[in-house]
Amino acid sequence: MLRLDPAVYEALEKWAADEFRSVNGQIEWIIDAKLKEHKKTPKKKPDQEKEPVTG
């Protein structure tokens, strides 16, 4: 679960719609971009596919 200020969520929702993404997809895109920017992208194993992270 991710808790966000309602105004932040609304802004994120509008941004996602502008780019034809879901809110979840937009959050993933933002996180991925920041990980790449800071050279923190996790190494993927050859047999590893994109799986949802649960916790």
Protein backbone atom coordinates (compact mmCIF):
# COMPACT_ATOMS: atom_id res chain seq x y z
CA MET A 1 0.00 0.00 0.00
CA LEU A 2 1.23 3.46 -0.87
CA ARG A 3 -0.15 6.42 0.99
CA LEU A 4 -0.17 9.73 -0.84
CA ASP A 5 -1.60 13.13 -0.18
CA PRO A 6 -4.84 13.32 -2.18
CA ALA A 7 -3.61 16.39 -4.11
CA VAL A 8 -0.40 14.55 -5.06
CA TYR A 9 -2.40 11.53 -6.19
CA GLU A 10 -4.66 13.74 -8.29
CA ALA A 11 -1.67 15.40 -9.95
CA LEU A 12 -0.13 11.98 -10.59
CA GLU A 13 -3.41 10.72 -12.02
CA LYS A 14 -3.60 13.66 -14.46
CA TRP A 15 0.05 13.23 -15.48
CA ALA A 16 -0.50 9.51 -16.08
CA ALA A 17 -3.59 10.20 -18.20
CA ASP A 18 -1.63 12.73 -20.28
CA GLU A 19 0.89 10.00 -21.09
CA PHE A 20 -1.72 7.23 -21.57
CA ARG A 21 -0.51 5.28 -18.52
CA SER A 22 -2.21 3.97 -15.44
CA VAL A 23 -1.27 5.58 -12.13
CA ASN A 24 0.59 2.38 -11.24
CA GLY A 25 2.43 2.49 -14.58
CA GLN A 26 3.33 6.14 -14.01
CA ILE A 27 4.73 5.39 -10.55
CA GLU A 28 6.81 2.54 -12.00
CA TRP A 29 8.06 4.82 -14.79
CA ILE A 30 9.07 7.54 -12.30
CA ILE A 31 10.86 5.07 -10.03
CA ASP A 32 12.62 3.41 -12.96
CA ALA A 33 13.76 6.79 -14.33
CA LYS A 34 15.17 7.82 -10.95
CA LEU A 35 16.93 4.48 -10.48
CA LYS A 36 18.58 4.90 -13.89
CA GLU A 37 19.47 8.52 -13.14
CA HIS A 38 21.26 7.48 -9.95
CA LYS A 39 22.75 4.32 -11.50
CA LYS A 40 20.88 2.10 -9.04
CA THR A 41 19.00 -0.07 -11.53
CA PRO A 42 18.89 -3.64 -10.20
CA LYS A 43 20.68 -6.30 -12.18
CA LYS A 44 18.29 -8.79 -13.78
CA LYS A 45 19.00 -12.47 -13.99
CA PRO A 46 18.59 -13.96 -17.49
CA ASP A 47 15.56 -16.01 -16.42
CA GLN A 48 14.00 -13.20 -14.38
CA GLU A 49 10.86 -11.66 -15.80
CA LYS A 50 8.97 -8.70 -14.49
CA GLU A 51 7.01 -9.97 -11.53
CA PRO A 52 4.98 -7.96 -9.04
CA VAL A 53 6.70 -7.30 -5.76
CA THR A 54 4.58 -8.10 -2.73
CA GLY A 55 5.33 -7.28 0.83
